[in-house]
Amino acid sequence: MSAKRATAEPAAPLPMLAIYADESCLGNGREGSNPGGAAGVMEYVHPESGSLTRWDYWVSEPATTNNRMALRSVIEAFRAISRKGVRFRVTFTSDSQYLVKGMSEWVFSWMARGWKKKTGPILNLELWKEAVEAVHEHQVSWQWVRGHEGHPQNEYANHLATRAARELTSSNGLVASKFDEWLAAEREEGRIAIEPQAFPETERFRSVRPYPTAAPSTVIT
């Protein structure tokens, strides 16, 4: 028997997933109840066949804000992909700087202080806790894209979120995407000219540091 200690095999990299999300609040900031929606399109490239598959999701609330729905876009997406216990490397793209900065920077200092800011309360605290709890098993790269500038996946997510807000509907999980049909119609009307963003390159993936486990919080249904 060899005296040499066996070298452990390096862990296989996690599968890649791209999520493009957006939020909508009809009448955001106005008096009264403002309905809102959160939605996204997910992309996965099969490692052997190279085929790309997309899924959609969306949720709504009868009285909400844009920032609240931006957080729900994260919570719903990561709960959906975590149901079978599979971990992913996720590139999550949103036009909400509130969300991208919050999840890549702010939450780490808030958690280090026991979920407190240096000044004032943390708005949407329970949703921030839920978002961290939803994503902490995965490796995540948070990307910001400017909204309403013709980015196909962002515009499609906006379409889903706005429709959810208007109709107050939910997809109840992931459903087969209608991105291709929507894009063809948008091109026909001359509203979208840019090509869809390419699937992220695995070699360029850089995740934020691992999230600590968030304290249990109230589950929103």
Protein backbone atom coordinates (compact mmCIF):
# COMPACT_ATOMS: atom_id res chain seq x y z
CA MET A 1 0.00 0.00 0.00
CA SER A 2 1.42 3.37 -0.98
CA ALA A 3 2.59 5.61 1.84
CA LYS A 4 1.55 8.62 -0.17
CA ARG A 5 -1.65 10.28 0.99
CA ALA A 6 -4.39 10.25 -1.62
CA THR A 7 -5.07 13.68 -3.11
CA ALA A 8 -8.71 14.69 -3.07
CA GLU A 9 -10.25 15.37 -6.45
CA PRO A 10 -11.13 19.04 -6.95
CA ALA A 11 -14.85 19.75 -6.72
CA ALA A 12 -16.61 20.08 -10.05
CA PRO A 13 -17.71 23.65 -10.84
CA LEU A 14 -21.36 24.39 -10.28
CA PRO A 15 -23.62 24.54 -13.35
CA MET A 16 -24.22 28.01 -14.80
CA LEU A 17 -27.52 29.84 -14.92
CA ALA A 18 -28.36 33.35 -16.19
CA ILE A 19 -31.34 35.27 -14.79
CA TYR A 20 -32.64 38.56 -16.19
CA ALA A 21 -35.17 40.17 -13.87
CA ASP A 22 -37.23 43.33 -13.68
CA GLU A 23 -39.95 44.87 -11.58
CA SER A 24 -42.92 47.15 -12.13
CA CYS A 25 -45.16 49.25 -9.91
CA LEU A 26 -48.08 50.98 -11.59
CA GLY A 27 -48.29 54.46 -10.12
CA ASN A 28 -45.21 54.02 -7.93
CA GLY A 29 -45.12 56.77 -5.31
CA ARG A 30 -48.68 57.97 -5.85
CA GLU A 31 -51.37 58.08 -3.20
CA GLY A 32 -53.34 54.89 -2.67
CA SER A 33 -52.67 51.26 -3.52
CA ASN A 34 -50.26 50.73 -6.42
CA PRO A 35 -50.18 47.23 -7.93
CA GLY A 36 -46.81 45.80 -8.85
CA GLY A 37 -45.12 42.84 -10.49
CA ALA A 38 -41.75 41.11 -10.43
CA ALA A 39 -40.58 38.79 -13.17
CA GLY A 40 -37.65 37.24 -14.95
CA VAL A 41 -36.39 34.97 -17.67
CA MET A 42 -33.86 32.24 -16.83
CA GLU A 43 -31.39 30.73 -19.27
CA TYR A 44 -29.49 27.43 -19.06
CA VAL A 45 -27.09 25.94 -21.60
CA HIS A 46 -26.83 22.16 -21.56
CA PRO A 47 -23.14 21.28 -21.04
CA GLU A 48 -23.16 18.44 -23.58
CA SER A 49 -25.58 19.48 -26.32
CA GLY A 50 -24.98 23.23 -26.02
CA SER A 51 -28.72 23.85 -26.40
CA LEU A 52 -30.18 26.86 -24.60
CA THR A 53 -33.40 26.53 -22.60
CA ARG A 54 -35.40 29.39 -21.09
CA TRP A 55 -38.02 29.59 -18.34
CA ASP A 56 -40.18 32.50 -17.18
CA TYR A 57 -41.57 33.43 -13.78
CA TRP A 58 -43.64 36.30 -12.42
CA VAL A 59 -45.48 37.37 -9.26
CA SER A 60 -47.64 40.35 -8.29
CA GLU A 61 -48.82 42.35 -5.30
CA PRO A 62 -51.89 44.62 -5.13
CA ALA A 63 -50.13 47.38 -3.15
CA THR A 64 -46.34 47.69 -3.31
CA THR A 65 -43.27 49.65 -4.53
CA ASN A 66 -40.61 49.20 -7.19
CA ASN A 67 -37.92 48.44 -4.60
CA ARG A 68 -40.05 45.86 -2.89
CA MET A 69 -40.75 44.09 -6.18
CA ALA A 70 -37.07 44.18 -7.17
CA LEU A 71 -36.34 42.13 -4.05
CA ARG A 72 -39.19 39.77 -4.81
CA SER A 73 -37.69 39.15 -8.26
CA VAL A 74 -34.67 37.65 -6.47
CA ILE A 75 -36.60 35.73 -3.84
CA GLU A 76 -38.94 34.05 -6.31
CA ALA A 77 -36.17 33.16 -8.76
CA PHE A 78 -33.85 31.56 -6.21
CA ARG A 79 -36.62 29.72 -4.42
CA ALA A 80 -37.62 28.21 -7.75
CA ILE A 81 -34.13 26.96 -8.62
CA SER A 82 -33.43 25.71 -5.09
CA ARG A 83 -36.42 23.37 -4.81
CA LYS A 84 -34.51 20.27 -5.90
CA GLY A 85 -31.41 21.09 -3.86
CA VAL A 86 -29.25 21.91 -6.89
CA ARG A 87 -26.67 24.66 -6.47
CA PHE A 88 -25.75 26.99 -9.34
CA ARG A 89 -23.38 29.70 -10.40
CA VAL A 90 -25.86 32.46 -11.23
CA THR A 91 -25.39 35.68 -13.15
CA PHE A 92 -28.34 37.80 -12.03
CA THR A 93 -28.96 40.90 -14.16
CA SER A 94 -31.33 43.70 -13.17
CA ASP A 95 -31.83 47.39 -13.96
CA SER A 96 -32.37 48.10 -10.24
CA GLN A 97 -29.27 49.64 -8.69
CA TYR A 98 -31.03 49.38 -5.33
CA LEU A 99 -31.07 45.60 -5.73
CA VAL A 100 -27.64 45.10 -7.31
CA LYS A 101 -25.79 47.34 -4.84
CA GLY A 102 -27.79 45.99 -1.94
CA MET A 103 -27.07 42.33 -2.64
CA SER A 104 -23.44 42.82 -3.64
CA GLU A 105 -22.43 45.42 -1.01
CA TRP A 106 -24.92 46.68 1.56
CA VAL A 107 -26.21 43.44 3.08
CA PHE A 108 -22.76 42.35 4.25
CA SER A 109 -22.31 45.43 6.46
CA TRP A 110 -25.93 45.28 7.64
CA MET A 111 -25.55 41.65 8.69
CA ALA A 112 -22.25 42.35 10.43
CA ARG A 113 -24.13 44.88 12.59
CA GLY A 114 -27.01 42.50 13.34
CA TRP A 115 -29.14 43.78 10.47
CA LYS A 116 -28.71 47.42 11.40
CA LYS A 117 -27.57 50.51 9.51
CA LYS A 118 -25.39 53.25 10.95
CA THR A 119 -28.31 55.64 10.55
CA GLY A 120 -32.01 54.96 10.29
CA PRO A 121 -33.96 51.74 9.72
CA ILE A 122 -33.39 49.32 6.84
CA LEU A 123 -36.36 49.67 4.52
CA ASN A 124 -37.86 46.36 3.35
CA LEU A 125 -35.81 44.58 6.04
CA GLU A 126 -37.75 41.31 5.96
CA LEU A 127 -37.41 41.08 2.19
CA TRP A 128 -33.65 41.69 2.36
CA LYS A 129 -33.43 38.83 4.88
CA GLU A 130 -35.50 36.58 2.65
CA ALA A 131 -33.35 37.44 -0.37
CA VAL A 132 -30.12 36.55 1.44
CA GLU A 133 -31.65 33.32 2.74
CA ALA A 134 -32.80 32.41 -0.78
CA VAL A 135 -29.43 32.98 -2.47
CA HIS A 136 -26.85 31.96 0.12
CA GLU A 137 -26.44 28.35 -1.11
CA HIS A 138 -25.51 29.58 -4.61
CA GLN A 139 -22.60 31.51 -6.11
CA VAL A 140 -23.93 34.76 -7.52
CA SER A 141 -22.63 37.54 -9.75
CA TRP A 142 -24.86 40.63 -9.64
CA GLN A 143 -24.94 42.68 -12.85
CA TRP A 144 -26.63 46.00 -13.55
CA VAL A 145 -28.03 46.96 -16.96
CA ARG A 146 -29.60 50.27 -17.91
CA GLY A 147 -33.35 49.80 -18.31
CA HIS A 148 -35.54 50.71 -21.28
CA GLU A 149 -32.65 50.78 -23.74
CA GLY A 150 -33.60 47.82 -25.89
CA HIS A 151 -31.72 45.06 -24.03
CA PRO A 152 -33.86 42.08 -25.15
CA GLN A 153 -33.87 40.00 -21.96
CA ASN A 154 -34.36 43.07 -19.75
CA GLU A 155 -37.19 44.35 -21.94
CA TYR A 156 -38.84 40.94 -21.86
CA ALA A 157 -38.60 40.77 -18.06
CA ASN A 158 -40.15 44.24 -17.95
CA HIS A 159 -42.96 43.00 -20.21
CA LEU A 160 -43.66 40.09 -17.85
CA ALA A 161 -43.50 42.26 -14.72
CA THR A 162 -45.76 44.98 -16.14
CA ARG A 163 -48.31 42.40 -17.29
CA ALA A 164 -48.25 40.73 -13.86
CA ALA A 165 -48.85 44.11 -12.18
CA ARG A 166 -51.67 44.98 -14.53
CA GLU A 167 -53.40 41.60 -14.29
CA LEU A 168 -52.33 40.72 -10.71
CA THR A 169 -51.23 37.24 -11.73
CA SER A 170 -48.51 34.75 -10.77
CA SER A 171 -46.81 32.02 -12.77
CA ASN A 172 -46.73 29.78 -9.65
CA GLY A 173 -43.17 28.74 -10.36
CA LEU A 174 -41.18 28.34 -13.56
CA VAL A 175 -42.97 27.97 -16.89
CA ALA A 176 -41.74 27.46 -20.46
CA SER A 177 -40.54 30.81 -21.80
CA LYS A 178 -42.22 32.70 -24.62
CA PHE A 179 -39.16 34.89 -25.14
CA ASP A 180 -38.59 33.83 -28.76
CA GLU A 181 -42.17 34.58 -29.80
CA TRP A 182 -42.14 37.92 -27.97
CA LEU A 183 -38.80 38.92 -29.54
CA ALA A 184 -40.00 38.03 -33.04
CA ALA A 185 -43.06 40.26 -32.54
CA GLU A 186 -40.94 43.12 -31.17
CA ARG A 187 -38.57 42.89 -34.14
CA GLU A 188 -41.55 42.90 -36.51
CA GLU A 189 -42.74 46.17 -34.95
CA GLY A 190 -39.22 47.65 -35.03
CA ARG A 191 -39.01 48.02 -31.25
CA ILE A 192 -36.01 45.74 -30.64
CA ALA A 193 -32.88 45.78 -32.80
CA ILE A 194 -30.21 44.52 -30.38
CA GLU A 195 -29.29 40.84 -30.25
CA PRO A 196 -30.02 38.98 -27.00
CA GLN A 197 -27.17 39.04 -24.51
CA ALA A 198 -24.96 35.99 -24.90
CA PHE A 199 -24.88 33.34 -22.20
CA PRO A 200 -22.18 34.18 -19.61
CA GLU A 201 -18.72 32.75 -20.17
CA THR A 202 -17.81 30.38 -17.35
CA GLU A 203 -14.19 31.55 -17.31
CA ARG A 204 -15.25 35.14 -16.57
CA PHE A 205 -17.69 34.33 -13.79
CA ARG A 206 -16.88 36.11 -10.52
CA SER A 207 -19.25 35.71 -7.60
CA VAL A 208 -19.65 37.95 -4.58
CA ARG A 209 -18.30 36.60 -1.30
CA PRO A 210 -20.41 33.91 0.39
CA TYR A 211 -23.46 35.08 2.31
CA PRO A 212 -23.89 34.17 5.96
CA THR A 213 -27.17 32.44 6.73
CA ALA A 214 -29.84 35.05 7.31
CA ALA A 215 -32.07 34.94 10.35
CA PRO A 216 -35.45 33.27 9.76
CA SER A 217 -38.06 35.69 8.50
CA THR A 218 -41.72 35.73 7.63
CA VAL A 219 -42.47 33.88 4.39
CA ILE A 220 -44.47 35.90 1.89
CA THR A 221 -47.11 34.04 -0.06
